[in-house]
Amino acid sequence: MNALSDEASGTTRHPIVPTWPLELLTTVTLEEQPGGKTKLTVRWSPHNATVEECKTFNASHEIMRQGWDSTLDRLVEYLAKA
């Protein structure tokens, strides 16, 4: 389960997107590929979300993909230097 938290570790709303789902079910799968490669698959789905929260989530797929791509690119750069 994935959620934003406040200072007291309670679940809180997204500070910029108030209709973002409070909770997301996150599934991460690692799959061995030929040549010593690994395929990473991340799947998110709204959990206990309202219709409006689901609409916001569904409209945000491209932004989420860009965020993950950027984060993983930085991880690759970091590991290359380590």
PDB file of N, CA and C in Angstrom:
ATOM      1  N   MET A   1       0.849  -1.165   0.000  1.00  0.00           N
ATOM      2  CA  MET A   1       0.000   0.000   0.000  1.00  0.00           C
ATOM      3  C   MET A   1       0.894   1.227   0.000  1.00  0.00           C
ATOM      4  N   ASN A   2       0.477   2.265  -0.688  1.00  0.00           N
ATOM      5  CA  ASN A   2       1.239   3.499  -0.817  1.00  0.00           C
ATOM      6  C   ASN A   2       0.317   4.665  -0.486  1.00  0.00           C
ATOM      7  N   ALA A   3       0.792   5.594   0.337  1.00  0.00           N
ATOM      8  CA  ALA A   3       0.001   6.768   0.695  1.00  0.00           C
ATOM      9  C   ALA A   3       0.932   7.895   1.113  1.00  0.00           C
ATOM     10  N   LEU A   4       0.461   9.113   0.980  1.00  0.00           N
ATOM     11  CA  LEU A   4       1.194  10.269   1.494  1.00  0.00           C
ATOM     12  C   LEU A   4       0.938  10.358   2.987  1.00  0.00           C
ATOM     13  N   SER A   5       1.944  10.808   3.729  1.00  0.00           N
ATOM     14  CA  SER A   5       1.753  10.901   5.171  1.00  0.00           C
ATOM     15  C   SER A   5       2.082  12.304   5.674  1.00  0.00           C
ATOM     16  N   ASP A   6       1.483  12.636   6.807  1.00  0.00           N
ATOM     17  CA  ASP A   6       1.748  13.916   7.451  1.00  0.00           C
ATOM     18  C   ASP A   6       2.847  13.731   8.503  1.00  0.00           C
ATOM     19  N   GLU A   7       3.127  14.789   9.252  1.00  0.00           N
ATOM     20  CA  GLU A   7       4.192  14.744  10.254  1.00  0.00           C
ATOM     21  C   GLU A   7       3.952  13.694  11.332  1.00  0.00           C
ATOM     22  N   ALA A   8       2.693  13.356  11.576  1.00  0.00           N
ATOM     23  CA  ALA A   8       2.354  12.373  12.610  1.00  0.00           C
ATOM     24  C   ALA A   8       2.183  10.966  12.034  1.00  0.00           C
ATOM     25  N   SER A   9       2.642  10.769  10.784  1.00  0.00           N
ATOM     26  CA  SER A   9       2.553   9.484  10.080  1.00  0.00           C
ATOM     27  C   SER A   9       1.119   9.085   9.755  1.00  0.00           C
ATOM     28  N   GLY A  10       0.215  10.051   9.719  1.00  0.00           N
ATOM     29  CA  GLY A  10      -1.158   9.790   9.307  1.00  0.00           C
ATOM     30  C   GLY A  10      -1.295   9.999   7.800  1.00  0.00           C
ATOM     31  N   THR A  11      -2.298   9.408   7.218  1.00  0.00           N
ATOM     32  CA  THR A  11      -2.553   9.575   5.787  1.00  0.00           C
ATOM     33  C   THR A  11      -3.075  10.981   5.535  1.00  0.00           C
ATOM     34  N   THR A  12      -2.560  11.603   4.471  1.00  0.00           N
ATOM     35  CA  THR A  12      -2.971  12.969   4.153  1.00  0.00           C
ATOM     36  C   THR A  12      -3.189  13.132   2.651  1.00  0.00           C
ATOM     37  N   ARG A  13      -3.851  14.192   2.280  1.00  0.00           N
ATOM     38  CA  ARG A  13      -4.127  14.503   0.878  1.00  0.00           C
ATOM     39  C   ARG A  13      -2.867  15.011   0.185  1.00  0.00           C
ATOM     40  N   HIS A  14      -2.816  14.805  -1.109  1.00  0.00           N
ATOM     41  CA  HIS A  14      -1.743  15.337  -1.942  1.00  0.00           C
ATOM     42  C   HIS A  14      -1.779  16.862  -1.831  1.00  0.00           C
ATOM     43  N   PRO A  15      -0.639  17.518  -1.607  1.00  0.00           N
ATOM     44  CA  PRO A  15      -0.656  18.967  -1.396  1.00  0.00           C
ATOM     45  C   PRO A  15      -0.995  19.781  -2.645  1.00  0.00           C
ATOM     46  N   ILE A  16      -0.821  19.210  -3.823  1.00  0.00           N
ATOM     47  CA  ILE A  16      -1.082  19.937  -5.067  1.00  0.00           C
ATOM     48  C   ILE A  16      -2.330  19.418  -5.772  1.00  0.00           C
ATOM     49  N   VAL A  17      -2.602  18.127  -5.643  1.00  0.00           N
ATOM     50  CA  VAL A  17      -3.738  17.497  -6.327  1.00  0.00           C
ATOM     51  C   VAL A  17      -4.685  16.932  -5.274  1.00  0.00           C
ATOM     52  N   PRO A  18      -5.644  17.731  -4.800  1.00  0.00           N
ATOM     53  CA  PRO A  18      -6.508  17.292  -3.693  1.00  0.00           C
ATOM     54  C   PRO A  18      -7.421  16.116  -4.034  1.00  0.00           C
ATOM     55  N   THR A  19      -7.600  15.811  -5.314  1.00  0.00           N
ATOM     56  CA  THR A  19      -8.445  14.668  -5.680  1.00  0.00           C
ATOM     57  C   THR A  19      -7.618  13.410  -5.977  1.00  0.00           C
ATOM     58  N   TRP A  20      -6.328  13.442  -5.602  1.00  0.00           N
ATOM     59  CA  TRP A  20      -5.492  12.247  -5.746  1.00  0.00           C
ATOM     60  C   TRP A  20      -5.959  11.204  -4.735  1.00  0.00           C
ATOM     61  N   PRO A  21      -6.008   9.910  -5.112  1.00  0.00           N
ATOM     62  CA  PRO A  21      -6.444   8.876  -4.160  1.00  0.00           C
ATOM     63  C   PRO A  21      -5.603   8.884  -2.884  1.00  0.00           C
ATOM     64  N   LEU A  22      -6.255   8.663  -1.768  1.00  0.00           N
ATOM     65  CA  LEU A  22      -5.537   8.606  -0.492  1.00  0.00           C
ATOM     66  C   LEU A  22      -4.607   7.392  -0.422  1.00  0.00           C
ATOM     67  N   GLU A  23      -5.023   6.286  -1.038  1.00  0.00           N
ATOM     68  CA  GLU A  23      -4.228   5.060  -0.987  1.00  0.00           C
ATOM     69  C   GLU A  23      -4.098   4.474  -2.390  1.00  0.00           C
ATOM     70  N   LEU A  24      -2.912   3.923  -2.659  1.00  0.00           N
ATOM     71  CA  LEU A  24      -2.670   3.212  -3.906  1.00  0.00           C
ATOM     72  C   LEU A  24      -2.101   1.838  -3.579  1.00  0.00           C
ATOM     73  N   LEU A  25      -2.545   0.841  -4.306  1.00  0.00           N
ATOM     74  CA  LEU A  25      -1.938  -0.473  -4.216  1.00  0.00           C
ATOM     75  C   LEU A  25      -0.799  -0.474  -5.226  1.00  0.00           C
ATOM     76  N   THR A  26       0.415  -0.715  -4.755  1.00  0.00           N
ATOM     77  CA  THR A  26       1.593  -0.689  -5.612  1.00  0.00           C
ATOM     78  C   THR A  26       2.171  -2.092  -5.688  1.00  0.00           C
ATOM     79  N   THR A  27       2.347  -2.586  -6.920  1.00  0.00           N
ATOM     80  CA  THR A  27       2.938  -3.898  -7.148  1.00  0.00           C
ATOM     81  C   THR A  27       4.190  -3.715  -7.985  1.00  0.00           C
ATOM     82  N   VAL A  28       5.321  -4.179  -7.471  1.00  0.00           N
ATOM     83  CA  VAL A  28       6.596  -4.089  -8.176  1.00  0.00           C
ATOM     84  C   VAL A  28       7.034  -5.514  -8.514  1.00  0.00           C
ATOM     85  N   THR A  29       7.333  -5.747  -9.804  1.00  0.00           N
ATOM     86  CA  THR A  29       7.765  -7.061 -10.256  1.00  0.00           C
ATOM     87  C   THR A  29       9.124  -6.940 -10.926  1.00  0.00           C
ATOM     88  N   LEU A  30      10.042  -7.810 -10.547  1.00  0.00           N
ATOM     89  CA  LEU A  30      11.352  -7.903 -11.190  1.00  0.00           C
ATOM     90  C   LEU A  30      11.397  -9.212 -11.953  1.00  0.00           C
ATOM     91  N   GLU A  31      11.783  -9.124 -13.234  1.00  0.00           N
ATOM     92  CA  GLU A  31      11.776 -10.321 -14.091  1.00  0.00           C
ATOM     93  C   GLU A  31      13.127 -10.448 -14.791  1.00  0.00           C
ATOM     94  N   GLU A  32      13.771 -11.587 -14.605  1.00  0.00           N
ATOM     95  CA  GLU A  32      15.062 -11.822 -15.237  1.00  0.00           C
ATOM     96  C   GLU A  32      14.901 -11.861 -16.750  1.00  0.00           C
ATOM     97  N   GLN A  33      15.827 -11.202 -17.447  1.00  0.00           N
ATOM     98  CA  GLN A  33      15.818 -11.127 -18.900  1.00  0.00           C
ATOM     99  C   GLN A  33      17.135 -11.685 -19.438  1.00  0.00           C
ATOM    100  N   PRO A  34      17.173 -12.051 -20.721  1.00  0.00           N
ATOM    101  CA  PRO A  34      18.439 -12.529 -21.306  1.00  0.00           C
ATOM    102  C   PRO A  34      19.534 -11.464 -21.189  1.00  0.00           C
ATOM    103  N   GLY A  35      20.776 -11.925 -21.141  1.00  0.00           N
ATOM    104  CA  GLY A  35      21.915 -11.016 -21.108  1.00  0.00           C
ATOM    105  C   GLY A  35      22.153 -10.383 -19.759  1.00  0.00           C
ATOM    106  N   GLY A  36      21.640 -10.999 -18.700  1.00  0.00           N
ATOM    107  CA  GLY A  36      21.868 -10.465 -17.366  1.00  0.00           C
ATOM    108  C   GLY A  36      21.063  -9.216 -17.059  1.00  0.00           C
ATOM    109  N   LYS A  37      20.039  -8.955 -17.827  1.00  0.00           N
ATOM    110  CA  LYS A  37      19.187  -7.780 -17.622  1.00  0.00           C
ATOM    111  C   LYS A  37      18.019  -8.146 -16.698  1.00  0.00           C
ATOM    112  N   THR A  38      17.407  -7.121 -16.144  1.00  0.00           N
ATOM    113  CA  THR A  38      16.223  -7.296 -15.310  1.00  0.00           C
ATOM    114  C   THR A  38      15.148  -6.335 -15.770  1.00  0.00           C
ATOM    115  N   LYS A  39      13.944  -6.836 -15.952  1.00  0.00           N
ATOM    116  CA  LYS A  39      12.800  -6.001 -16.310  1.00  0.00           C
ATOM    117  C   LYS A  39      12.067  -5.624 -15.030  1.00  0.00           C
ATOM    118  N   LEU A  40      11.847  -4.316 -14.842  1.00  0.00           N
ATOM    119  CA  LEU A  40      11.130  -3.797 -13.686  1.00  0.00           C
ATOM    120  C   LEU A  40       9.750  -3.344 -14.150  1.00  0.00           C
ATOM    121  N   THR A  41       8.714  -3.854 -13.522  1.00  0.00           N
ATOM    122  CA  THR A  41       7.350  -3.434 -13.825  1.00  0.00           C
ATOM    123  C   THR A  41       6.726  -2.900 -12.545  1.00  0.00           C
ATOM    124  N   VAL A  42       6.167  -1.690 -12.630  1.00  0.00           N
ATOM    125  CA  VAL A  42       5.487  -1.069 -11.493  1.00  0.00           C
ATOM    126  C   VAL A  42       4.038  -0.862 -11.887  1.00  0.00           C
ATOM    127  N   ARG A  43       3.134  -1.364 -11.082  1.00  0.00           N
ATOM    128  CA  ARG A  43       1.700  -1.190 -11.334  1.00  0.00           C
ATOM    129  C   ARG A  43       1.082  -0.534 -10.107  1.00  0.00           C
ATOM    130  N   TRP A  44       0.320   0.506 -10.366  1.00  0.00           N
ATOM    131  CA  TRP A  44      -0.408   1.198  -9.309  1.00  0.00           C
ATOM    132  C   TRP A  44      -1.881   1.106  -9.606  1.00  0.00           C
ATOM    133  N   SER A  45      -2.677   0.996  -8.573  1.00  0.00           N
ATOM    134  CA  SER A  45      -4.125   1.075  -8.737  1.00  0.00           C
ATOM    135  C   SER A  45      -4.719   1.750  -7.505  1.00  0.00           C
ATOM    136  N   PRO A  46      -5.725   2.597  -7.714  1.00  0.00           N
ATOM    137  CA  PRO A  46      -6.363   3.258  -6.573  1.00  0.00           C
ATOM    138  C   PRO A  46      -6.994   2.221  -5.646  1.00  0.00           C
ATOM    139  N   HIS A  47      -6.908   2.470  -4.358  1.00  0.00           N
ATOM    140  CA  HIS A  47      -7.470   1.563  -3.360  1.00  0.00           C
ATOM    141  C   HIS A  47      -8.479   2.344  -2.517  1.00  0.00           C
ATOM    142  N   ASN A  48      -9.690   1.821  -2.412  1.00  0.00           N
ATOM    143  CA  ASN A  48     -10.760   2.501  -1.664  1.00  0.00           C
ATOM    144  C   ASN A  48     -10.963   3.943  -2.135  1.00  0.00           C
ATOM    145  N   ALA A  49     -10.869   4.156  -3.446  1.00  0.00           N
ATOM    146  CA  ALA A  49     -10.942   5.504  -4.012  1.00  0.00           C
ATOM    147  C   ALA A  49     -12.356   5.846  -4.475  1.00  0.00           C
ATOM    148  N   THR A  50     -12.638   7.139  -4.469  1.00  0.00           N
ATOM    149  CA  THR A  50     -13.916   7.624  -4.995  1.00  0.00           C
ATOM    150  C   THR A  50     -13.848   7.647  -6.526  1.00  0.00           C
ATOM    151  N   VAL A  51     -14.981   7.865  -7.160  1.00  0.00           N
ATOM    152  CA  VAL A  51     -15.021   7.968  -8.616  1.00  0.00           C
ATOM    153  C   VAL A  51     -14.131   9.121  -9.075  1.00  0.00           C
ATOM    154  N   GLU A  52     -14.213  10.255  -8.384  1.00  0.00           N
ATOM    155  CA  GLU A  52     -13.399  11.420  -8.757  1.00  0.00           C
ATOM    156  C   GLU A  52     -11.905  11.126  -8.600  1.00  0.00           C
ATOM    157  N   GLU A  53     -11.535  10.432  -7.527  1.00  0.00           N
ATOM    158  CA  GLU A  53     -10.130  10.075  -7.318  1.00  0.00           C
ATOM    159  C   GLU A  53      -9.641   9.131  -8.416  1.00  0.00           C
ATOM    160  N   CYS A  54     -10.474   8.181  -8.826  1.00  0.00           N
ATOM    161  CA  CYS A  54     -10.109   7.270  -9.918  1.00  0.00           C
ATOM    162  C   CYS A  54      -9.914   8.038 -11.225  1.00  0.00           C
ATOM    163  N   LYS A  55     -10.765   9.019 -11.494  1.00  0.00           N
ATOM    164  CA  LYS A  55     -10.623   9.831 -12.702  1.00  0.00           C
ATOM    165  C   LYS A  55      -9.303  10.594 -12.683  1.00  0.00           C
ATOM    166  N   THR A  56      -8.967  11.185 -11.551  1.00  0.00           N
ATOM    167  CA  THR A  56      -7.701  11.906 -11.422  1.00  0.00           C
ATOM    168  C   THR A  56      -6.529  10.966 -11.651  1.00  0.00           C
ATOM    169  N   PHE A  57      -6.578   9.797 -11.026  1.00  0.00           N
ATOM    170  CA  PHE A  57      -5.511   8.803 -11.177  1.00  0.00           C
ATOM    171  C   PHE A  57      -5.367   8.391 -12.640  1.00  0.00           C
ATOM    172  N   ASN A  58      -6.483   8.053 -13.281  1.00  0.00           N
ATOM    173  CA  ASN A  58      -6.437   7.589 -14.670  1.00  0.00           C
ATOM    174  C   ASN A  58      -5.936   8.656 -15.633  1.00  0.00           C
ATOM    175  N   ALA A  59      -6.176   9.909 -15.315  1.00  0.00           N
ATOM    176  CA  ALA A  59      -5.717  11.007 -16.168  1.00  0.00           C
ATOM    177  C   ALA A  59      -4.233  11.316 -15.952  1.00  0.00           C
ATOM    178  N   SER A  60      -3.609  10.686 -14.961  1.00  0.00           N
ATOM    179  CA  SER A  60      -2.236  11.026 -14.577  1.00  0.00           C
ATOM    180  C   SER A  60      -1.199   9.986 -14.981  1.00  0.00           C
ATOM    181  N   HIS A  61      -1.563   9.001 -15.766  1.00  0.00           N
ATOM    182  CA  HIS A  61      -0.637   7.915 -16.095  1.00  0.00           C
ATOM    183  C   HIS A  61       0.649   8.416 -16.745  1.00  0.00           C
ATOM    184  N   GLU A  62       0.550   9.332 -17.689  1.00  0.00           N
ATOM    185  CA  GLU A  62       1.746   9.815 -18.380  1.00  0.00           C
ATOM    186  C   GLU A  62       2.674  10.553 -17.417  1.00  0.00           C
ATOM    187  N   ILE A  63       2.117  11.351 -16.534  1.00  0.00           N
ATOM    188  CA  ILE A  63       2.936  12.072 -15.553  1.00  0.00           C
ATOM    189  C   ILE A  63       3.632  11.084 -14.613  1.00  0.00           C
ATOM    190  N   MET A  64       2.918  10.040 -14.189  1.00  0.00           N
ATOM    191  CA  MET A  64       3.515   9.033 -13.305  1.00  0.00           C
ATOM    192  C   MET A  64       4.649   8.300 -14.032  1.00  0.00           C
ATOM    193  N   ARG A  65       4.430   7.965 -15.301  1.00  0.00           N
ATOM    194  CA  ARG A  65       5.462   7.269 -16.082  1.00  0.00           C
ATOM    195  C   ARG A  65       6.709   8.140 -16.190  1.00  0.00           C
ATOM    196  N   GLN A  66       6.515   9.414 -16.476  1.00  0.00           N
ATOM    197  CA  GLN A  66       7.649  10.330 -16.579  1.00  0.00           C
ATOM    198  C   GLN A  66       8.402  10.426 -15.251  1.00  0.00           C
ATOM    199  N   GLY A  67       7.666  10.467 -14.157  1.00  0.00           N
ATOM    200  CA  GLY A  67       8.302  10.521 -12.843  1.00  0.00           C
ATOM    201  C   GLY A  67       9.125   9.285 -12.546  1.00  0.00           C
ATOM    202  N   TRP A  68       8.563   8.121 -12.826  1.00  0.00           N
ATOM    203  CA  TRP A  68       9.306   6.877 -12.608  1.00  0.00           C
ATOM    204  C   TRP A  68      10.518   6.811 -13.528  1.00  0.00           C
ATOM    205  N   ASP A  69      10.352   7.173 -14.810  1.00  0.00           N
ATOM    206  CA  ASP A  69      11.482   7.146 -15.747  1.00  0.00           C
ATOM    207  C   ASP A  69      12.617   8.027 -15.247  1.00  0.00           C
ATOM    208  N   SER A  70      12.290   9.229 -14.789  1.00  0.00           N
ATOM    209  CA  SER A  70      13.301  10.160 -14.296  1.00  0.00           C
ATOM    210  C   SER A  70      14.001   9.603 -13.060  1.00  0.00           C
ATOM    211  N   THR A  71      13.232   9.065 -12.137  1.00  0.00           N
ATOM    212  CA  THR A  71      13.798   8.500 -10.910  1.00  0.00           C
ATOM    213  C   THR A  71      14.726   7.334 -11.224  1.00  0.00           C
ATOM    214  N   LEU A  72      14.290   6.457 -12.111  1.00  0.00           N
ATOM    215  CA  LEU A  72      15.111   5.286 -12.448  1.00  0.00           C
ATOM    216  C   LEU A  72      16.349   5.688 -13.238  1.00  0.00           C
ATOM    217  N   ASP A  73      16.257   6.699 -14.091  1.00  0.00           N
ATOM    218  CA  ASP A  73      17.432   7.198 -14.807  1.00  0.00           C
ATOM    219  C   ASP A  73      18.475   7.717 -13.815  1.00  0.00           C
ATOM    220  N   ARG A  74      18.025   8.446 -12.786  1.00  0.00           N
ATOM    221  CA  ARG A  74      18.953   8.945 -11.773  1.00  0.00           C
ATOM    222  C   ARG A  74      19.567   7.799 -10.979  1.00  0.00           C
ATOM    223  N   LEU A  75      18.786   6.747 -10.725  1.00  0.00           N
ATOM    224  CA  LEU A  75      19.329   5.580 -10.025  1.00  0.00           C
ATOM    225  C   LEU A  75      20.418   4.915 -10.859  1.00  0.00           C
ATOM    226  N   VAL A  76      20.184   4.771 -12.151  1.00  0.00           N
ATOM    227  CA  VAL A  76      21.192   4.161 -13.040  1.00  0.00           C
ATOM    228  C   VAL A  76      22.474   4.996 -13.009  1.00  0.00           C
ATOM    229  N   GLU A  77      22.339   6.316 -13.096  1.00  0.00           N
ATOM    230  CA  GLU A  77      23.518   7.200 -13.042  1.00  0.00           C
ATOM    231  C   GLU A  77      24.264   7.036 -11.717  1.00  0.00           C
ATOM    232  N   TYR A  78      23.533   6.989 -10.645  1.00  0.00           N
ATOM    233  CA  TYR A  78      24.144   6.831  -9.321  1.00  0.00           C
ATOM    234  C   TYR A  78      24.892   5.504  -9.216  1.00  0.00           C
ATOM    235  N   LEU A  79      24.246   4.422  -9.656  1.00  0.00           N
ATOM    236  CA  LEU A  79      24.882   3.104  -9.558  1.00  0.00           C
ATOM    237  C   LEU A  79      26.096   2.992 -10.458  1.00  0.00           C
ATOM    238  N   ALA A  80      26.093   3.687 -11.589  1.00  0.00           N
ATOM    239  CA  ALA A  80      27.239   3.661 -12.487  1.00  0.00           C
ATOM    240  C   ALA A  80      28.473   4.299 -11.840  1.00  0.00           C
ATOM    241  N   LYS A  81      28.242   5.265 -10.957  1.00  0.00           N
ATOM    242  CA  LYS A  81      29.338   5.946 -10.265  1.00  0.00           C
ATOM    243  C   LYS A  81      29.799   5.193  -9.016  1.00  0.00           C
ATOM    244  N   ALA A  82      28.948   4.328  -8.500  1.00  0.00           N
ATOM    245  CA  ALA A  82      29.255   3.646  -7.231  1.00  0.00           C
ATOM    246  C   ALA A  82      30.277   2.555  -7.412  1.00  0.00           C
TER     247      ALA A  82
END
